[in-house]
Amino acid sequence: MKWVTPWALKRMGILGMNARNHDFIGRYNARHLYPLVDDKLKTKLLTEEYGLATPALRFVVSQQHAINHIEQQLFDLDGFAIKPAKGSGGKGILVIVGRHGDKFIKPSGAEIGIEEIRRHMSNTLAGLYSLGGKPDVVIVEDLIEFDDIFDGYSHEGVPDIRVVVFKGYPVMAMLRLATHASDGKANLHQGAVGVGLDIASGRCRKAVQFGAPIILHPDTHRPLHEIKVPDWREMLVLASRCYEMTELGYIGTDIVLDKTRGPQLLELNARPGLAIQMANGLGLLPRLRHIETLKPRQHKSPETRVDYVMKAFADTRLQAQHTDGGEPAVGNIA
């Protein structure tokens, strides 16, 4: 592994943990607003209230005794996702994509029975997956049917797009692709692929796994440089609207592209991680400082903020490569 000095990271504009916590999270995120994003049920209800696109909430389980007859509530659902309201890092999420008799089918093709679902829900209520092990609530929501554009790019899991939003401006984005190593989860620390996306076009600008540049998906072997996310401006507008909804100045928005419903907001994070910089080969700090120089309310609507960043932070080299018909050197674009 090649080590990088702190001075080199500073020249690259890399945002570190201390600066993130002090200069941005601590300064722009009021503590009393954290529950709006730390609790997925509160986020879901708030999202529906504001009319933002999100997978429909089917029902909630908050008491252990309600699990005894849970099969009645699942009877008409062929596919669904079970989530802990206060989970983090994808822990405790159980996805069911179909039924086979009295069995439920997971994305891997494995079949489980109703007793396993009851056990999973019971563990969730007991706080097995929640922050600090506190008692939790079970959320059951509609299944995302991911767009065919990502076919072959994600292994046994739904790909999602993380967009970091600062003061309502989307400043950096990446696509997270599940792999065998990540066990179908879109978590970079577990081995998912991070694909940095040009903020102007949604095109791939770089891809990494375990911090190392890659060109092909490790399981499907599809070339990652071909990725271009459709409905890109609509997706950025959805991310930008979360600023008015939560009043949080520095957030991570996780969005999926549904085959029929388009961009859907999955969840929000008041403490977004820093790996997005590695996926893009760029530092966040210059973009964040640039947004700080703008006049308050200079761009009042989500649409005008998105249009601004699509011009201000466009990767002109990437645009030139595609204009010339060339292929971007995935893993080598700065």
Protein backbone atom coordinates (compact mmCIF):
# COMPACT_ATOMS: atom_id res chain seq x y z
CA MET A 1 0.00 0.00 0.00
CA LYS A 2 1.29 3.45 -0.91
CA TRP A 3 1.14 5.89 1.98
CA VAL A 4 0.15 9.53 1.46
CA THR A 5 1.53 12.29 3.69
CA PRO A 6 -0.79 14.69 5.54
CA TRP A 7 0.63 17.54 3.44
CA ALA A 8 -0.29 15.74 0.22
CA LEU A 9 -3.81 15.13 1.51
CA LYS A 10 -4.11 18.83 2.34
CA ARG A 11 -3.01 19.79 -1.18
CA MET A 12 -5.67 17.43 -2.56
CA GLY A 13 -8.34 19.14 -0.47
CA ILE A 14 -9.17 15.97 1.46
CA LEU A 15 -11.66 16.54 4.26
CA GLY A 16 -10.54 14.75 7.43
CA MET A 17 -12.61 13.41 10.31
CA ASN A 18 -11.82 16.24 12.73
CA ALA A 19 -12.58 18.99 10.21
CA ARG A 20 -15.77 17.23 9.16
CA ASN A 21 -16.96 16.93 12.75
CA HIS A 22 -15.98 20.44 13.87
CA ASP A 23 -16.29 22.68 10.80
CA PHE A 24 -19.31 21.12 9.14
CA ILE A 25 -21.33 18.65 11.23
CA GLY A 26 -20.88 20.58 14.48
CA ARG A 27 -21.39 23.97 12.86
CA TYR A 28 -24.24 23.27 10.45
CA ASN A 29 -26.20 20.40 12.06
CA ALA A 30 -28.24 21.36 15.11
CA ARG A 31 -28.25 18.49 17.63
CA HIS A 32 -31.99 18.59 18.20
CA LEU A 33 -32.55 17.74 14.52
CA TYR A 34 -30.53 14.50 14.59
CA PRO A 35 -33.51 12.26 15.49
CA LEU A 36 -35.12 13.18 12.17
CA VAL A 37 -32.43 11.19 10.36
CA ASP A 38 -31.16 8.78 13.03
CA ASP A 39 -34.63 7.23 13.27
CA LYS A 40 -35.65 5.79 9.88
CA LEU A 41 -39.31 5.77 10.86
CA LYS A 42 -39.25 9.50 11.58
CA THR A 43 -37.41 10.06 8.31
CA LYS A 44 -39.98 7.99 6.44
CA LEU A 45 -42.94 9.85 7.91
CA LEU A 46 -41.27 13.22 7.31
CA THR A 47 -40.46 12.29 3.72
CA GLU A 48 -44.06 11.30 3.05
CA GLU A 49 -45.28 14.53 4.66
CA TYR A 50 -43.05 16.61 2.36
CA GLY A 51 -44.05 14.59 -0.70
CA LEU A 52 -40.59 13.30 -1.50
CA ALA A 53 -40.41 10.03 -3.45
CA THR A 54 -39.65 7.10 -1.13
CA PRO A 55 -40.54 3.38 -0.92
CA ALA A 56 -44.02 3.06 0.59
CA LEU A 57 -44.27 2.16 4.26
CA ARG A 58 -46.36 -1.01 4.61
CA PHE A 59 -46.53 -1.35 8.38
CA VAL A 60 -44.58 -1.01 11.62
CA VAL A 61 -44.01 -3.54 14.40
CA SER A 62 -43.27 -2.05 17.81
CA GLN A 63 -44.28 -4.81 20.27
CA GLN A 64 -43.00 -8.38 20.63
CA HIS A 65 -46.49 -9.86 20.86
CA ALA A 66 -47.36 -8.46 17.41
CA ILE A 67 -44.82 -10.82 15.84
CA ASN A 68 -46.87 -13.92 16.71
CA HIS A 69 -49.27 -13.36 13.80
CA ILE A 70 -46.98 -11.45 11.48
CA GLU A 71 -47.70 -13.85 8.61
CA GLN A 72 -51.14 -12.27 8.27
CA GLN A 73 -49.61 -8.86 7.52
CA LEU A 74 -47.10 -10.40 5.10
CA PHE A 75 -49.72 -12.52 3.33
CA ASP A 76 -50.22 -10.22 0.31
CA LEU A 77 -46.59 -9.13 0.01
CA ASP A 78 -44.39 -11.01 -2.45
CA GLY A 79 -41.42 -8.71 -1.95
CA PHE A 80 -40.54 -6.37 0.91
CA ALA A 81 -37.73 -5.01 3.04
CA ILE A 82 -37.52 -5.30 6.84
CA LYS A 83 -35.44 -2.62 8.54
CA PRO A 84 -34.58 -1.53 12.08
CA ALA A 85 -35.67 2.08 12.59
CA LYS A 86 -32.43 2.95 14.41
CA GLY A 87 -29.97 0.70 12.62
CA SER A 88 -26.78 1.85 10.92
CA GLY A 89 -24.39 0.64 8.25
CA GLY A 90 -26.99 -1.64 6.68
CA LYS A 91 -27.16 -3.86 9.76
CA GLY A 92 -30.41 -5.69 10.36
CA ILE A 93 -31.88 -5.14 6.90
CA LEU A 94 -33.63 -8.24 5.57
CA VAL A 95 -34.75 -8.16 1.93
CA ILE A 96 -37.30 -10.61 0.52
CA VAL A 97 -37.67 -10.72 -3.27
CA GLY A 98 -40.30 -13.46 -3.67
CA ARG A 99 -42.23 -16.42 -2.28
CA HIS A 100 -42.08 -20.16 -2.89
CA GLY A 101 -44.96 -21.84 -1.11
CA ASP A 102 -44.59 -20.98 2.56
CA LYS A 103 -40.96 -19.94 2.09
CA PHE A 104 -39.56 -16.45 1.57
CA ILE A 105 -36.78 -15.94 -0.99
CA LYS A 106 -33.76 -13.72 -0.31
CA PRO A 107 -31.78 -11.95 -3.08
CA SER A 108 -29.17 -14.74 -2.94
CA GLY A 109 -31.88 -17.31 -3.75
CA ALA A 110 -31.79 -18.77 -0.24
CA GLU A 111 -35.18 -19.59 1.26
CA ILE A 112 -36.24 -18.88 4.82
CA GLY A 113 -39.40 -19.65 6.79
CA ILE A 114 -41.73 -17.46 8.79
CA GLU A 115 -40.01 -18.46 12.03
CA GLU A 116 -36.74 -16.96 10.82
CA ILE A 117 -38.55 -13.73 9.99
CA ARG A 118 -40.13 -13.72 13.45
CA ARG A 119 -36.72 -14.26 15.03
CA HIS A 120 -35.20 -11.45 12.97
CA MET A 121 -37.98 -9.06 13.97
CA SER A 122 -37.69 -10.08 17.63
CA ASN A 123 -33.95 -9.41 17.59
CA THR A 124 -34.58 -6.04 15.95
CA LEU A 125 -37.09 -5.01 18.62
CA ALA A 126 -34.62 -6.07 21.31
CA GLY A 127 -32.05 -3.65 19.88
CA LEU A 128 -29.61 -6.11 18.31
CA TYR A 129 -29.03 -3.81 15.32
CA SER A 130 -29.70 -0.38 16.85
CA LEU A 131 -27.20 2.26 17.86
CA GLY A 132 -26.26 1.62 21.49
CA GLY A 133 -28.38 -1.55 21.63
CA LYS A 134 -31.52 0.38 22.53
CA PRO A 135 -34.99 -1.14 21.97
CA ASP A 136 -36.06 -0.55 18.41
CA VAL A 137 -38.98 -0.63 15.98
CA VAL A 138 -39.38 -2.78 12.85
CA ILE A 139 -40.19 -1.07 9.56
CA VAL A 140 -41.62 -3.05 6.64
CA GLU A 141 -41.57 -1.19 3.33
CA ASP A 142 -42.00 -1.81 -0.38
CA LEU A 143 -39.23 -3.55 -2.24
CA ILE A 144 -37.13 -1.55 -4.67
CA GLU A 145 -37.00 -2.99 -8.17
CA PHE A 146 -33.75 -1.57 -9.39
CA ASP A 147 -33.45 -0.15 -12.88
CA ASP A 148 -32.21 -2.38 -15.72
CA ILE A 149 -29.46 0.16 -16.37
CA PHE A 150 -27.61 -1.38 -13.42
CA ASP A 151 -28.10 -4.98 -14.51
CA GLY A 152 -24.84 -6.82 -13.99
CA TYR A 153 -23.32 -4.04 -11.93
CA SER A 154 -24.52 -5.08 -8.49
CA HIS A 155 -24.21 -8.54 -6.98
CA GLU A 156 -27.21 -9.75 -4.92
CA GLY A 157 -28.12 -6.26 -3.78
CA VAL A 158 -29.74 -2.99 -4.81
CA PRO A 159 -27.24 -0.32 -5.90
CA ASP A 160 -27.67 3.07 -4.28
CA ILE A 161 -26.35 6.58 -4.81
CA ARG A 162 -24.89 8.57 -1.92
CA VAL A 163 -25.06 12.34 -2.45
CA VAL A 164 -23.42 14.66 0.08
CA VAL A 165 -25.49 17.83 0.40
CA PHE A 166 -24.08 21.00 1.99
CA LYS A 167 -26.38 23.95 2.70
CA GLY A 168 -28.76 22.51 0.13
CA TYR A 169 -26.11 22.11 -2.61
CA PRO A 170 -25.19 18.59 -3.79
CA VAL A 171 -21.38 18.66 -3.67
CA MET A 172 -20.25 15.09 -4.35
CA ALA A 173 -21.84 11.76 -5.31
CA MET A 174 -20.96 8.10 -5.65
CA LEU A 175 -22.71 4.93 -6.74
CA ARG A 176 -22.33 1.98 -4.35
CA LEU A 177 -22.45 -1.48 -5.89
CA ALA A 178 -22.88 -4.64 -3.85
CA THR A 179 -20.41 -7.51 -4.26
CA HIS A 180 -19.98 -11.06 -3.04
CA ALA A 181 -17.42 -9.74 -0.56
CA SER A 182 -19.94 -7.23 0.84
CA ASP A 183 -22.62 -9.94 1.15
CA GLY A 184 -25.00 -8.01 -1.07
CA LYS A 185 -24.69 -4.83 1.03
CA ALA A 186 -23.78 -1.44 -0.46
CA ASN A 187 -21.19 -0.79 2.26
CA LEU A 188 -17.70 0.17 1.08
CA HIS A 189 -16.07 -0.99 4.31
CA GLN A 190 -17.48 -4.48 3.73
CA GLY A 191 -16.20 -4.66 0.15
CA ALA A 192 -18.81 -2.91 -1.98
CA VAL A 193 -17.57 -1.03 -5.04
CA GLY A 194 -17.62 2.77 -4.85
CA VAL A 195 -18.05 4.53 -8.18
CA GLY A 196 -17.35 8.25 -8.14
CA LEU A 197 -19.85 10.18 -10.25
CA ASP A 198 -19.37 13.43 -12.13
CA ILE A 199 -21.77 15.87 -10.48
CA ALA A 200 -22.68 17.39 -13.86
CA SER A 201 -23.56 14.23 -15.75
CA GLY A 202 -23.79 11.20 -13.46
CA ARG A 203 -20.99 9.50 -15.39
CA CYS A 204 -18.39 7.27 -13.77
CA ARG A 205 -15.15 9.14 -13.10
CA LYS A 206 -13.35 6.55 -10.97
CA ALA A 207 -14.08 3.25 -9.17
CA VAL A 208 -12.55 1.65 -6.08
CA GLN A 209 -12.90 -1.46 -3.92
CA PHE A 210 -11.19 -1.68 -0.52
CA GLY A 211 -9.57 1.65 -1.41
CA ALA A 212 -7.84 0.35 -4.56
CA PRO A 213 -8.72 1.47 -8.12
CA ILE A 214 -10.57 -1.11 -10.22
CA ILE A 215 -11.83 -1.22 -13.81
CA LEU A 216 -14.25 -4.17 -13.76
CA HIS A 217 -16.88 -5.25 -11.24
CA PRO A 218 -15.16 -8.03 -9.25
CA ASP A 219 -18.08 -10.48 -9.60
CA THR A 220 -19.81 -9.64 -12.87
CA HIS A 221 -16.72 -8.30 -14.68
CA ARG A 222 -18.71 -5.53 -16.33
CA PRO A 223 -16.61 -2.45 -17.23
CA LEU A 224 -17.38 0.30 -14.74
CA HIS A 225 -16.43 3.22 -16.99
CA GLU A 226 -19.64 2.65 -18.99
CA ILE A 227 -21.85 3.66 -16.06
CA LYS A 228 -23.98 6.76 -16.52
CA VAL A 229 -26.83 7.22 -14.05
CA PRO A 230 -30.12 8.21 -15.75
CA ASP A 231 -32.53 10.81 -14.35
CA TRP A 232 -29.44 12.46 -12.87
CA ARG A 233 -30.72 16.01 -12.42
CA GLU A 234 -33.97 14.68 -10.91
CA MET A 235 -31.90 12.66 -8.46
CA LEU A 236 -29.83 15.68 -7.41
CA VAL A 237 -32.98 17.78 -6.96
CA LEU A 238 -34.41 15.06 -4.70
CA ALA A 239 -31.21 15.14 -2.63
CA SER A 240 -31.23 18.95 -2.49
CA ARG A 241 -34.85 19.06 -1.26
CA CYS A 242 -33.78 17.18 1.87
CA TYR A 243 -32.14 20.40 3.10
CA GLU A 244 -35.45 22.23 3.45
CA MET A 245 -37.09 19.10 4.83
CA THR A 246 -34.60 18.50 7.66
CA GLU A 247 -32.91 21.91 8.09
CA LEU A 248 -29.63 20.01 8.44
CA GLY A 249 -26.77 21.77 6.69
CA TYR A 250 -24.45 18.79 6.12
CA ILE A 251 -26.07 15.47 5.25
CA GLY A 252 -25.64 12.30 3.24
CA THR A 253 -28.66 11.31 1.17
CA ASP A 254 -29.04 7.71 -0.01
CA ILE A 255 -31.11 7.34 -3.16
CA VAL A 256 -32.07 4.37 -5.33
CA LEU A 257 -33.35 4.27 -8.89
CA ASP A 258 -36.54 2.22 -9.13
CA LYS A 259 -37.43 0.69 -12.49
CA THR A 260 -40.91 2.21 -12.63
CA ARG A 261 -40.96 4.91 -9.95
CA GLY A 262 -37.65 6.63 -10.69
CA PRO A 263 -35.38 8.08 -7.96
CA GLN A 264 -36.47 7.12 -4.44
CA LEU A 265 -35.03 8.42 -1.16
CA LEU A 266 -33.97 5.53 1.09
CA GLU A 267 -32.52 7.28 4.12
CA LEU A 268 -30.49 10.22 5.40
CA ASN A 269 -27.30 10.48 7.43
CA ALA A 270 -26.27 13.43 9.59
CA ARG A 271 -22.69 12.12 9.80
CA PRO A 272 -21.87 10.95 6.25
CA GLY A 273 -18.59 9.09 5.88
CA LEU A 274 -15.54 10.32 4.01
CA ALA A 275 -14.95 7.39 1.61
CA ILE A 276 -16.83 9.27 -1.09
CA GLN A 277 -13.60 11.25 -1.62
CA MET A 278 -11.69 8.05 -2.36
CA ALA A 279 -14.34 6.92 -4.82
CA ASN A 280 -14.10 10.25 -6.67
CA GLY A 281 -10.37 10.80 -6.38
CA LEU A 282 -11.21 14.29 -5.13
CA GLY A 283 -11.28 16.17 -1.85
CA LEU A 284 -14.54 17.57 -0.50
CA LEU A 285 -12.98 20.57 1.20
CA PRO A 286 -12.59 22.91 -1.83
CA ARG A 287 -16.22 22.40 -2.80
CA LEU A 288 -17.47 22.93 0.74
CA ARG A 289 -15.42 26.11 1.16
CA HIS A 290 -16.71 27.36 -2.19
CA ILE A 291 -20.33 26.90 -1.08
CA GLU A 292 -19.53 28.81 2.11
CA THR A 293 -18.55 31.84 0.00
CA LEU A 294 -21.98 32.06 -1.65
CA LYS A 295 -24.46 34.62 -0.39
CA PRO A 296 -27.27 33.24 1.80
CA ARG A 297 -30.31 32.38 -0.30
CA GLN A 298 -28.34 33.14 -3.47
CA HIS A 299 -30.01 30.10 -5.02
CA LYS A 300 -33.38 29.78 -3.31
CA SER A 301 -34.80 26.62 -4.88
CA PRO A 302 -33.38 23.07 -5.05
CA GLU A 303 -33.50 23.30 -8.84
CA THR A 304 -31.35 26.45 -9.00
CA ARG A 305 -28.86 24.99 -6.51
CA VAL A 306 -28.55 21.83 -8.59
CA ASP A 307 -28.08 23.81 -11.81
CA TYR A 308 -25.35 25.84 -10.11
CA VAL A 309 -23.27 22.88 -8.92
CA MET A 310 -23.68 21.03 -12.24
CA LYS A 311 -21.80 23.92 -13.83
CA ALA A 312 -19.45 24.85 -10.98
CA PHE A 313 -18.21 21.33 -10.21
CA ALA A 314 -18.36 19.71 -13.65
CA ASP A 315 -15.47 17.43 -14.58
CA THR A 316 -14.48 19.10 -17.85
CA ARG A 317 -11.86 16.45 -18.61
CA LEU A 318 -14.48 13.74 -18.39
CA GLN A 319 -16.79 15.71 -20.69
CA ALA A 320 -13.97 16.14 -23.21
CA GLN A 321 -13.22 12.42 -23.20
CA HIS A 322 -16.81 11.56 -24.01
CA THR A 323 -17.05 14.32 -26.63
CA ASP A 324 -13.98 12.90 -28.33
CA GLY A 325 -15.41 9.41 -28.16
CA GLY A 326 -12.68 8.16 -25.86
CA GLU A 327 -13.08 6.00 -22.79
CA PRO A 328 -12.26 7.45 -19.36
CA ALA A 329 -9.38 5.72 -17.60
CA VAL A 330 -11.30 4.38 -14.65
CA GLY A 331 -9.14 4.43 -11.56
CA ASN A 332 -6.81 7.08 -13.00
CA ILE A 333 -9.03 10.13 -13.35
CA ALA A 334 -8.02 12.70 -10.72
